[in-house]
N, C-alpha and C. Protein backbone atom coordinates (compact mmCIF):
# COMPACT_ATOMS: atom_id res chain seq x y z
N MET A 1 96.64 29.49 96.54
CA MET A 1 97.59 28.46 96.16
C MET A 1 97.71 28.40 94.90
N THR A 2 98.69 27.98 94.67
CA THR A 2 99.55 28.00 93.31
C THR A 2 99.62 26.90 92.69
N ARG A 3 99.23 26.85 91.36
CA ARG A 3 99.46 25.32 90.61
C ARG A 3 100.89 25.69 89.71
N LEU A 4 101.51 24.59 90.37
CA LEU A 4 102.85 24.28 89.61
C LEU A 4 103.05 23.06 88.48
N LYS A 5 103.44 22.73 87.76
CA LYS A 5 103.73 21.80 86.97
C LYS A 5 105.46 21.60 86.99
N LEU A 6 105.87 20.19 87.31
CA LEU A 6 106.94 19.97 87.22
C LEU A 6 107.29 18.51 86.53
N VAL A 7 108.70 18.54 85.78
CA VAL A 7 108.57 17.33 84.71
C VAL A 7 109.74 16.46 85.44
N ASP A 8 109.83 15.30 85.71
CA ASP A 8 110.83 14.41 86.30
C ASP A 8 112.02 14.41 85.11
N ILE A 9 112.91 14.95 85.32
CA ILE A 9 114.16 14.98 84.05
C ILE A 9 114.55 13.49 83.49
N ASP A 10 114.62 12.77 84.49
CA ASP A 10 114.90 11.48 83.77
C ASP A 10 113.68 10.66 83.35
N THR A 11 112.69 10.53 83.90
CA THR A 11 111.56 9.57 83.23
C THR A 11 110.44 10.63 82.32
N LYS A 12 110.63 11.56 82.63
CA LYS A 12 109.66 12.46 81.56
C LYS A 12 108.40 12.82 82.29
N ASN A 13 108.27 12.15 83.12
CA ASN A 13 106.61 12.04 84.10
C ASN A 13 106.38 13.49 84.74
N ALA A 14 105.07 13.87 84.34
CA ALA A 14 104.80 15.01 84.72
C ALA A 14 104.07 15.32 85.86
N VAL A 15 104.02 16.21 86.85
CA VAL A 15 103.39 16.21 87.98
C VAL A 15 102.87 17.86 88.53
N GLU A 16 101.33 17.89 88.84
CA GLU A 16 101.08 19.25 89.24
C GLU A 16 101.11 19.26 90.49
N ILE A 17 101.37 20.30 91.26
CA ILE A 17 101.31 20.43 92.67
C ILE A 17 100.47 21.60 92.92
N ASP A 18 99.88 21.80 94.11
CA ASP A 18 99.24 22.83 94.35
C ASP A 18 100.29 23.51 95.80
N ILE A 19 100.50 24.37 95.35
CA ILE A 19 101.53 25.06 96.69
C ILE A 19 101.26 26.62 96.65
N ASP A 20 101.57 27.52 98.00
CA ASP A 20 101.40 28.80 98.46
C ASP A 20 102.38 29.39 97.73
N GLY A 21 102.21 30.46 96.88
CA GLY A 21 102.77 31.12 96.47
C GLY A 21 103.92 32.19 97.11
N GLN A 22 103.80 32.24 98.22
CA GLN A 22 104.66 32.73 98.87
C GLN A 22 105.58 32.28 99.76
N ALA A 23 105.37 31.04 99.89
CA ALA A 23 106.19 29.87 100.32
C ALA A 23 107.83 29.83 99.63
N HIS A 24 108.81 29.43 100.69
CA HIS A 24 110.22 29.22 99.67
C HIS A 24 109.98 28.06 99.01
N PRO A 25 110.87 28.35 97.89
CA PRO A 25 111.02 26.84 96.83
C PRO A 25 111.34 25.64 97.29
N THR A 26 112.30 25.64 98.47
CA THR A 26 112.64 24.53 98.83
C THR A 26 110.96 23.62 99.64
N LYS A 27 110.07 24.48 99.77
CA LYS A 27 108.57 23.60 100.16
C LYS A 27 107.99 22.63 98.91
N ILE A 28 108.71 23.09 97.69
CA ILE A 28 108.51 22.20 96.93
C ILE A 28 108.67 20.60 97.05
N ILE A 29 110.12 20.67 97.67
CA ILE A 29 109.99 19.35 97.62
C ILE A 29 109.37 18.58 98.61
N ASP A 30 109.39 19.14 99.96
CA ASP A 30 108.28 19.17 100.97
C ASP A 30 107.18 18.82 100.45
N LYS A 31 106.48 19.30 99.22
CA LYS A 31 105.02 18.82 98.77
C LYS A 31 105.44 17.71 97.93
N LEU A 32 106.38 17.19 97.55
CA LEU A 32 106.35 16.37 96.55
C LEU A 32 106.58 14.60 97.52
N LYS A 33 107.62 15.12 98.73
CA LYS A 33 107.53 14.09 99.66
C LYS A 33 106.07 13.66 100.61
N GLU A 34 105.25 14.98 100.15
CA GLU A 34 104.19 14.69 101.07
C GLU A 34 103.06 14.01 100.05
N LEU A 35 103.08 14.14 98.89
CA LEU A 35 102.44 13.40 97.90
C LEU A 35 102.99 12.13 97.51
N GLY A 36 104.18 11.29 98.14
CA GLY A 36 104.49 10.53 97.98
C GLY A 36 105.40 10.41 96.52
N ILE A 37 105.56 11.47 95.60
CA ILE A 37 106.21 11.26 94.80
C ILE A 37 107.63 11.13 95.18
N LEU A 38 108.26 11.27 95.92
CA LEU A 38 109.48 11.39 96.46
C LEU A 38 109.66 10.53 97.39
N LYS A 39 110.39 9.24 98.03
CA LYS A 39 110.68 8.56 99.00
C LYS A 39 111.35 9.62 100.00
N PRO A 40 111.18 8.97 101.29
CA PRO A 40 111.72 9.60 102.56
C PRO A 40 113.52 9.55 102.57
N ASN A 41 113.74 8.89 101.59
CA ASN A 41 115.20 8.97 101.63
C ASN A 41 115.78 9.45 100.53
N GLU A 42 114.65 10.33 99.45
CA GLU A 42 114.99 11.28 98.55
C GLU A 42 114.93 12.57 99.09
N THR A 43 115.93 13.50 98.01
CA THR A 43 115.71 14.67 97.96
C THR A 43 115.82 15.03 96.11
N ALA A 44 115.30 16.18 96.22
CA ALA A 44 115.53 16.55 94.46
C ALA A 44 115.62 18.13 94.22
N MET A 45 116.41 18.04 93.21
CA MET A 45 117.46 19.29 92.81
C MET A 45 116.30 19.95 91.65
N PHE A 46 115.66 20.97 91.68
CA PHE A 46 114.84 21.78 90.55
C PHE A 46 115.20 22.86 89.67
N GLY A 47 114.84 23.35 88.58
CA GLY A 47 115.62 23.94 87.68
C GLY A 47 115.15 24.33 86.47
N VAL A 48 115.57 24.71 85.38
CA VAL A 48 115.13 24.79 84.02
C VAL A 48 116.37 23.89 83.59
N SER A 49 116.11 23.32 82.31
CA SER A 49 117.03 22.40 81.41
C SER A 49 116.88 22.86 80.01
N PRO A 50 117.67 23.66 79.41
CA PRO A 50 117.21 24.13 77.97
C PRO A 50 117.87 22.60 77.27
N ASP A 51 118.40 21.87 77.77
CA ASP A 51 118.83 20.15 77.18
C ASP A 51 118.52 19.73 77.14
N GLU A 52 117.33 19.20 78.65
CA GLU A 52 116.58 18.11 79.01
C GLU A 52 117.64 17.25 79.29
N ARG A 53 118.80 17.63 79.84
CA ARG A 53 119.86 16.53 80.73
C ARG A 53 120.44 17.24 81.47
N HIS A 54 120.69 18.68 81.66
CA HIS A 54 121.21 19.18 82.96
C HIS A 54 120.06 20.11 83.74
N ILE A 55 120.02 20.46 84.90
CA ILE A 55 119.42 21.10 85.57
C ILE A 55 120.25 22.46 86.05
N TYR A 56 119.64 23.06 85.60
CA TYR A 56 120.23 24.80 85.86
C TYR A 56 119.24 25.69 86.89
N TYR A 57 119.80 25.81 87.81
CA TYR A 57 119.03 26.63 89.41
C TYR A 57 118.88 27.99 88.88
N VAL A 58 117.46 28.14 89.71
CA VAL A 58 116.85 29.37 89.38
C VAL A 58 117.18 29.61 90.60
N PRO A 59 117.34 31.14 91.04
CA PRO A 59 117.18 31.79 92.21
C PRO A 59 116.00 32.49 92.17
N ALA A 60 115.03 32.22 93.57
CA ALA A 60 114.21 32.56 93.70
C ALA A 60 113.97 32.59 95.05
N ALA A 61 113.15 33.71 95.64
CA ALA A 61 113.03 33.70 97.14
C ALA A 61 111.48 33.14 97.37
N THR A 62 110.90 33.56 96.36
CA THR A 62 109.37 32.32 96.56
C THR A 62 109.01 31.77 95.32
N VAL A 63 107.91 31.03 95.52
CA VAL A 63 107.50 29.63 94.56
C VAL A 63 106.84 31.05 93.65
N ASP A 64 106.29 32.37 94.07
CA ASP A 64 105.41 33.13 92.90
C ASP A 64 106.73 33.53 91.91
N GLN A 65 107.68 34.16 92.50
CA GLN A 65 109.09 34.59 91.90
C GLN A 65 109.55 33.31 90.53
N LEU A 66 109.82 32.04 91.06
CA LEU A 66 110.04 31.01 90.32
C LEU A 66 109.29 30.83 88.79
N ILE A 67 107.73 31.21 89.49
CA ILE A 67 106.61 30.94 88.76
C ILE A 67 106.51 31.78 87.37
N ALA A 68 107.23 33.33 87.99
CA ALA A 68 107.08 34.53 87.31
C ALA A 68 108.35 33.92 85.87
N TYR A 69 109.54 33.89 86.60
CA TYR A 69 110.61 33.46 85.62
C TYR A 69 110.56 32.43 84.83
N LEU A 70 109.78 31.18 84.85
CA LEU A 70 109.25 30.38 83.98
C LEU A 70 108.59 30.91 83.27
N ASN A 71 107.59 31.79 83.43
CA ASN A 71 106.41 32.26 82.11
C ASN A 71 107.44 33.10 81.34
N GLN A 72 108.16 33.93 82.31
CA GLN A 72 108.94 35.36 81.12
C GLN A 72 109.77 34.27 80.43
N THR A 73 110.38 33.10 80.65
CA THR A 73 111.05 32.69 79.51
C THR A 73 111.19 31.49 78.73
N LYS A 74 109.34 31.08 79.26
CA LYS A 74 108.67 30.47 78.54
C LYS A 74 109.19 28.99 78.81
N GLN A 75 109.71 28.45 79.94
CA GLN A 75 110.66 27.00 80.20
C GLN A 75 109.95 26.65 81.53
N ILE A 76 110.11 25.08 81.03
CA ILE A 76 109.67 24.35 82.29
C ILE A 76 110.31 23.81 83.29
N LEU A 77 110.06 23.93 84.57
CA LEU A 77 110.29 23.39 85.55
C LEU A 77 110.86 22.04 85.90
N TYR A 78 111.97 21.66 85.83
CA TYR A 78 112.58 19.90 86.10
C TYR A 78 112.79 20.00 87.09
N TYR A 79 112.97 18.54 87.67
CA TYR A 79 113.37 18.27 88.95
C TYR A 79 113.95 16.54 88.39
N ARG A 80 114.81 16.45 88.99
CA ARG A 80 115.79 15.43 89.26
C ARG A 80 115.95 14.73 91.01
N ARG A 81 115.42 13.54 91.10
CA ARG A 81 115.79 12.78 92.46
C ARG A 81 117.10 12.46 92.87
N TYR A 82 117.57 12.36 93.93
CA TYR A 82 118.88 12.53 94.14
C TYR A 82 118.75 11.64 95.73
N PRO A 83 119.37 10.37 96.07
CA PRO A 83 119.08 9.73 97.18
C PRO A 83 119.64 10.43 98.16
N ILE A 84 119.40 10.06 99.63
CA ILE A 84 120.17 10.92 100.57
C ILE A 84 120.85 9.37 101.64
N HIS A 85 122.04 9.77 100.93
CA HIS A 85 122.89 8.32 101.62
C HIS A 85 123.05 8.70 103.38
N GLY A 86 123.13 7.67 103.97
CA GLY A 86 123.28 7.18 105.25
C GLY A 86 121.71 7.51 106.05
N TYR A 87 120.74 7.68 104.99
CA TYR A 87 119.31 8.18 105.85
C TYR A 87 118.76 6.93 106.25
N ARG A 88 118.62 6.64 108.11
CA ARG A 88 118.00 5.22 108.41
C ARG A 88 116.29 5.69 108.71
N GLY A 89 116.09 6.65 108.84
CA GLY A 89 114.69 6.93 109.13
C GLY A 89 114.47 7.21 110.28
N PRO A 90 113.42 8.11 110.71
CA PRO A 90 113.28 8.19 112.22
C PRO A 90 113.76 7.33 113.30
N THR A 91 114.56 7.45 114.42
CA THR A 91 114.72 6.71 115.20
C THR A 91 113.60 6.27 116.06
N THR A 92 113.60 4.98 116.80
CA THR A 92 112.37 4.29 117.96
C THR A 92 112.31 5.54 118.69
N THR A 93 112.93 6.47 119.09
CA THR A 93 112.41 6.98 120.47
C THR A 93 111.33 8.44 119.57
N GLN A 94 111.84 8.66 118.03
CA GLN A 94 111.24 9.95 117.78
C GLN A 94 109.84 8.83 117.27
N GLN A 95 109.81 7.50 116.76
CA GLN A 95 108.65 7.15 116.53
C GLN A 95 107.52 7.17 117.39
N GLU A 96 108.24 7.10 118.70
CA GLU A 96 107.29 6.84 120.05
C GLU A 96 106.37 7.91 120.30
N ARG A 97 107.63 9.15 120.19
CA ARG A 97 107.20 10.37 120.40
C ARG A 97 106.26 11.00 119.58
N GLN A 98 105.91 10.48 118.30
CA GLN A 98 104.98 10.81 117.24
C GLN A 98 103.72 10.37 117.34
N THR A 99 103.40 8.59 118.11
CA THR A 99 102.63 8.37 118.13
C THR A 99 101.92 8.75 119.36
N ALA A 100 102.77 9.33 120.66
CA ALA A 100 102.26 9.47 121.88
C ALA A 100 101.48 10.99 121.94
């Protein structure tokens, strides 16, 4: 497991997560949802921010590559929340399948 520190670009709150280094970077969003940092109707964009206002995407195939880039450039990983419009949650039949 790899420890990764992210900072919410809007609130400046920092969070540290443990994640598999070989996982795809989109698993970071799944981990934030799992920890309750992101709501089910939210998603996030993450990357570096030289001006602490805009987020610039960092292309990486794994979390370890992302961390290597951050260490090499001495930058912080930021994220910003975005609502998922039209999200209504699981349907009743999906909920019934989960409890069965």
